[in-house]
Amino acid sequence: MLCALVFLIVASGLWPFLGEWAIAVGATAAAMFFLGLKFWPDKTPGGDA
């Protein structure tokens, strides 16, 4: 979560230089990150599975 926060802060500071491409990549990375957090616990041993 902290890494994502730092990434978003850096990305928000760089977007005027990189343009919409950076926003698209950042949004995709953030979506993959949060989806990973949501689904990963289901695959870890010792859970409800």
PDB file of N, CA and C in Angstrom:
ATOM      1  N   MET A   1       0.840  -1.203   0.000  1.00  0.00           N
ATOM      2  CA  MET A   1       0.000   0.000   0.000  1.00  0.00           C
ATOM      3  C   MET A   1       0.871   1.247   0.000  1.00  0.00           C
ATOM      4  N   LEU A   2       1.899   1.231   0.848  1.00  0.00           N
ATOM      5  CA  LEU A   2       2.791   2.383   0.925  1.00  0.00           C
ATOM      6  C   LEU A   2       3.517   2.584  -0.399  1.00  0.00           C
ATOM      7  N   CYS A   3       3.964   1.486  -0.998  1.00  0.00           N
ATOM      8  CA  CYS A   3       4.665   1.581  -2.280  1.00  0.00           C
ATOM      9  C   CYS A   3       3.749   2.183  -3.342  1.00  0.00           C
ATOM     10  N   ALA A   4       2.486   1.754  -3.320  1.00  0.00           N
ATOM     11  CA  ALA A   4       1.529   2.289  -4.295  1.00  0.00           C
ATOM     12  C   ALA A   4       1.325   3.781  -4.069  1.00  0.00           C
ATOM     13  N   LEU A   5       1.283   4.176  -2.804  1.00  0.00           N
ATOM     14  CA  LEU A   5       1.082   5.579  -2.471  1.00  0.00           C
ATOM     15  C   LEU A   5       2.255   6.414  -2.990  1.00  0.00           C
ATOM     16  N   VAL A   6       3.467   5.954  -2.735  1.00  0.00           N
ATOM     17  CA  VAL A   6       4.660   6.657  -3.209  1.00  0.00           C
ATOM     18  C   VAL A   6       4.664   6.722  -4.731  1.00  0.00           C
ATOM     19  N   PHE A   7       4.303   5.588  -5.365  1.00  0.00           N
ATOM     20  CA  PHE A   7       4.270   5.534  -6.823  1.00  0.00           C
ATOM     21  C   PHE A   7       3.290   6.559  -7.380  1.00  0.00           C
ATOM     22  N   LEU A   8       2.110   6.644  -6.762  1.00  0.00           N
ATOM     23  CA  LEU A   8       1.104   7.586  -7.239  1.00  0.00           C
ATOM     24  C   LEU A   8       1.577   9.021  -7.069  1.00  0.00           C
ATOM     25  N   ILE A   9       2.269   9.298  -5.955  1.00  0.00           N
ATOM     26  CA  ILE A   9       2.780  10.649  -5.721  1.00  0.00           C
ATOM     27  C   ILE A   9       3.828  11.007  -6.776  1.00  0.00           C
ATOM     28  N   VAL A  10       4.738  10.085  -7.023  1.00  0.00           N
ATOM     29  CA  VAL A  10       5.772  10.325  -8.036  1.00  0.00           C
ATOM     30  C   VAL A  10       5.145  10.483  -9.417  1.00  0.00           C
ATOM     31  N   ALA A  11       4.194   9.603  -9.729  1.00  0.00           N
ATOM     32  CA  ALA A  11       3.539   9.647 -11.040  1.00  0.00           C
ATOM     33  C   ALA A  11       2.796  10.973 -11.224  1.00  0.00           C
ATOM     34  N   SER A  12       2.141  11.441 -10.161  1.00  0.00           N
ATOM     35  CA  SER A  12       1.396  12.691 -10.256  1.00  0.00           C
ATOM     36  C   SER A  12       2.344  13.867 -10.482  1.00  0.00           C
ATOM     37  N   GLY A  13       3.587  13.733  -9.996  1.00  0.00           N
ATOM     38  CA  GLY A  13       4.565  14.789 -10.188  1.00  0.00           C
ATOM     39  C   GLY A  13       5.189  14.750 -11.573  1.00  0.00           C
ATOM     40  N   LEU A  14       5.200  13.559 -12.193  1.00  0.00           N
ATOM     41  CA  LEU A  14       5.858  13.406 -13.491  1.00  0.00           C
ATOM     42  C   LEU A  14       4.901  13.503 -14.670  1.00  0.00           C
ATOM     43  N   TRP A  15       3.586  13.434 -14.412  1.00  0.00           N
ATOM     44  CA  TRP A  15       2.658  13.353 -15.534  1.00  0.00           C
ATOM     45  C   TRP A  15       2.747  14.517 -16.517  1.00  0.00           C
ATOM     46  N   PRO A  16       3.073  15.766 -16.091  1.00  0.00           N
ATOM     47  CA  PRO A  16       3.174  16.835 -17.091  1.00  0.00           C
ATOM     48  C   PRO A  16       4.272  16.573 -18.114  1.00  0.00           C
ATOM     49  N   PHE A  17       5.270  15.760 -17.737  1.00  0.00           N
ATOM     50  CA  PHE A  17       6.390  15.480 -18.631  1.00  0.00           C
ATOM     51  C   PHE A  17       6.111  14.267 -19.506  1.00  0.00           C
ATOM     52  N   LEU A  18       5.397  13.297 -18.946  1.00  0.00           N
ATOM     53  CA  LEU A  18       5.169  12.046 -19.668  1.00  0.00           C
ATOM     54  C   LEU A  18       3.815  12.005 -20.350  1.00  0.00           C
ATOM     55  N   GLY A  19       2.898  12.836 -19.892  1.00  0.00           N
ATOM     56  CA  GLY A  19       1.603  12.928 -20.549  1.00  0.00           C
ATOM     57  C   GLY A  19       0.653  11.812 -20.172  1.00  0.00           C
ATOM     58  N   GLU A  20      -0.336  11.584 -21.021  1.00  0.00           N
ATOM     59  CA  GLU A  20      -1.396  10.628 -20.734  1.00  0.00           C
ATOM     60  C   GLU A  20      -0.862   9.203 -20.641  1.00  0.00           C
ATOM     61  N   TRP A  21       0.262   8.931 -21.314  1.00  0.00           N
ATOM     62  CA  TRP A  21       0.834   7.578 -21.282  1.00  0.00           C
ATOM     63  C   TRP A  21       1.144   7.173 -19.855  1.00  0.00           C
ATOM     64  N   ALA A  22       1.737   8.093 -19.099  1.00  0.00           N
ATOM     65  CA  ALA A  22       2.080   7.786 -17.709  1.00  0.00           C
ATOM     66  C   ALA A  22       0.823   7.548 -16.873  1.00  0.00           C
ATOM     67  N   ILE A  23      -0.230   8.303 -17.144  1.00  0.00           N
ATOM     68  CA  ILE A  23      -1.479   8.130 -16.401  1.00  0.00           C
ATOM     69  C   ILE A  23      -2.071   6.755 -16.697  1.00  0.00           C
ATOM     70  N   ALA A  24      -2.041   6.360 -17.973  1.00  0.00           N
ATOM     71  CA  ALA A  24      -2.594   5.063 -18.359  1.00  0.00           C
ATOM     72  C   ALA A  24      -1.810   3.926 -17.705  1.00  0.00           C
ATOM     73  N   VAL A  25      -0.484   4.015 -17.751  1.00  0.00           N
ATOM     74  CA  VAL A  25       0.356   2.986 -17.146  1.00  0.00           C
ATOM     75  C   VAL A  25       0.153   2.956 -15.635  1.00  0.00           C
ATOM     76  N   GLY A  26       0.097   4.129 -15.020  1.00  0.00           N
ATOM     77  CA  GLY A  26      -0.099   4.201 -13.572  1.00  0.00           C
ATOM     78  C   GLY A  26      -1.434   3.615 -13.154  1.00  0.00           C
ATOM     79  N   ALA A  27      -2.480   3.937 -13.920  1.00  0.00           N
ATOM     80  CA  ALA A  27      -3.809   3.409 -13.596  1.00  0.00           C
ATOM     81  C   ALA A  27      -3.838   1.894 -13.752  1.00  0.00           C
ATOM     82  N   THR A  28      -3.197   1.392 -14.801  1.00  0.00           N
ATOM     83  CA  THR A  28      -3.156  -0.054 -15.023  1.00  0.00           C
ATOM     84  C   THR A  28      -2.397  -0.737 -13.904  1.00  0.00           C
ATOM     85  N   ALA A  29      -1.247  -0.177 -13.533  1.00  0.00           N
ATOM     86  CA  ALA A  29      -0.445  -0.763 -12.457  1.00  0.00           C
ATOM     87  C   ALA A  29      -1.209  -0.749 -11.139  1.00  0.00           C
ATOM     88  N   ALA A  30      -1.905   0.343 -10.871  1.00  0.00           N
ATOM     89  CA  ALA A  30      -2.677   0.445  -9.625  1.00  0.00           C
ATOM     90  C   ALA A  30      -3.807  -0.582  -9.614  1.00  0.00           C
ATOM     91  N   ALA A  31      -4.479  -0.741 -10.758  1.00  0.00           N
ATOM     92  CA  ALA A  31      -5.576  -1.709 -10.837  1.00  0.00           C
ATOM     93  C   ALA A  31      -5.058  -3.121 -10.606  1.00  0.00           C
ATOM     94  N   MET A  32      -3.939  -3.470 -11.232  1.00  0.00           N
ATOM     95  CA  MET A  32      -3.349  -4.799 -11.055  1.00  0.00           C
ATOM     96  C   MET A  32      -2.925  -4.997  -9.604  1.00  0.00           C
ATOM     97  N   PHE A  33      -2.382  -3.947  -8.993  1.00  0.00           N
ATOM     98  CA  PHE A  33      -1.915  -4.028  -7.609  1.00  0.00           C
ATOM     99  C   PHE A  33      -3.079  -4.320  -6.662  1.00  0.00           C
ATOM    100  N   PHE A  34      -4.167  -3.555  -6.809  1.00  0.00           N
ATOM    101  CA  PHE A  34      -5.303  -3.732  -5.902  1.00  0.00           C
ATOM    102  C   PHE A  34      -6.029  -5.042  -6.168  1.00  0.00           C
ATOM    103  N   LEU A  35      -6.086  -5.465  -7.445  1.00  0.00           N
ATOM    104  CA  LEU A  35      -6.683  -6.765  -7.746  1.00  0.00           C
ATOM    105  C   LEU A  35      -5.849  -7.873  -7.123  1.00  0.00           C
ATOM    106  N   GLY A  36      -4.536  -7.707  -7.140  1.00  0.00           N
ATOM    107  CA  GLY A  36      -3.645  -8.686  -6.519  1.00  0.00           C
ATOM    108  C   GLY A  36      -3.895  -8.776  -5.023  1.00  0.00           C
ATOM    109  N   LEU A  37      -4.079  -7.622  -4.377  1.00  0.00           N
ATOM    110  CA  LEU A  37      -4.356  -7.622  -2.938  1.00  0.00           C
ATOM    111  C   LEU A  37      -5.688  -8.299  -2.640  1.00  0.00           C
ATOM    112  N   LYS A  38      -6.639  -8.123  -3.545  1.00  0.00           N
ATOM    113  CA  LYS A  38      -7.979  -8.658  -3.307  1.00  0.00           C
ATOM    114  C   LYS A  38      -8.006 -10.178  -3.465  1.00  0.00           C
ATOM    115  N   PHE A  39      -7.309 -10.703  -4.461  1.00  0.00           N
ATOM    116  CA  PHE A  39      -7.424 -12.125  -4.778  1.00  0.00           C
ATOM    117  C   PHE A  39      -6.300 -12.971  -4.214  1.00  0.00           C
ATOM    118  N   TRP A  40      -5.155 -12.344  -3.890  1.00  0.00           N
ATOM    119  CA  TRP A  40      -4.016 -13.132  -3.428  1.00  0.00           C
ATOM    120  C   TRP A  40      -4.282 -13.905  -2.138  1.00  0.00           C
ATOM    121  N   PRO A  41      -4.960 -13.311  -1.115  1.00  0.00           N
ATOM    122  CA  PRO A  41      -5.197 -14.030   0.144  1.00  0.00           C
ATOM    123  C   PRO A  41      -5.929 -15.356  -0.062  1.00  0.00           C
ATOM    124  N   ASP A  42      -6.704 -15.472  -1.140  1.00  0.00           N
ATOM    125  CA  ASP A  42      -7.428 -16.712  -1.402  1.00  0.00           C
ATOM    126  C   ASP A  42      -6.485 -17.846  -1.770  1.00  0.00           C
ATOM    127  N   LYS A  43      -5.265 -17.502  -2.170  1.00  0.00           N
ATOM    128  CA  LYS A  43      -4.333 -18.516  -2.661  1.00  0.00           C
ATOM    129  C   LYS A  43      -3.238 -18.827  -1.645  1.00  0.00           C
ATOM    130  N   THR A  44      -3.254 -18.173  -0.510  1.00  0.00           N
ATOM    131  CA  THR A  44      -2.215 -18.410   0.490  1.00  0.00           C
ATOM    132  C   THR A  44      -2.585 -19.593   1.374  1.00  0.00           C
ATOM    133  N   PRO A  45      -1.613 -20.439   1.736  1.00  0.00           N
ATOM    134  CA  PRO A  45      -1.879 -21.590   2.596  1.00  0.00           C
ATOM    135  C   PRO A  45      -2.255 -21.155   4.009  1.00  0.00           C
ATOM    136  N   GLY A  46      -3.036 -21.971   4.697  1.00  0.00           N
ATOM    137  CA  GLY A  46      -3.391 -21.654   6.066  1.00  0.00           C
ATOM    138  C   GLY A  46      -4.617 -20.773   6.164  1.00  0.00           C
ATOM    139  N   GLY A  47      -5.269 -20.514   5.028  1.00  0.00           N
ATOM    140  CA  GLY A  47      -6.461 -19.679   5.040  1.00  0.00           C
ATOM    141  C   GLY A  47      -7.713 -20.517   5.237  1.00  0.00           C
ATOM    142  N   ASP A  48      -8.840 -19.973   4.805  1.00  0.00           N
ATOM    143  CA  ASP A  48     -10.098 -20.697   4.961  1.00  0.00           C
ATOM    144  C   ASP A  48     -10.242 -21.799   3.925  1.00  0.00           C
ATOM    145  N   ALA A  49      -9.364 -21.798   2.926  1.00  0.00           N
ATOM    146  CA  ALA A  49      -9.426 -22.803   1.883  1.00  0.00           C
ATOM    147  C   ALA A  49      -9.148 -24.176   2.490  1.00  0.00           C
TER     148      ALA A  49
END
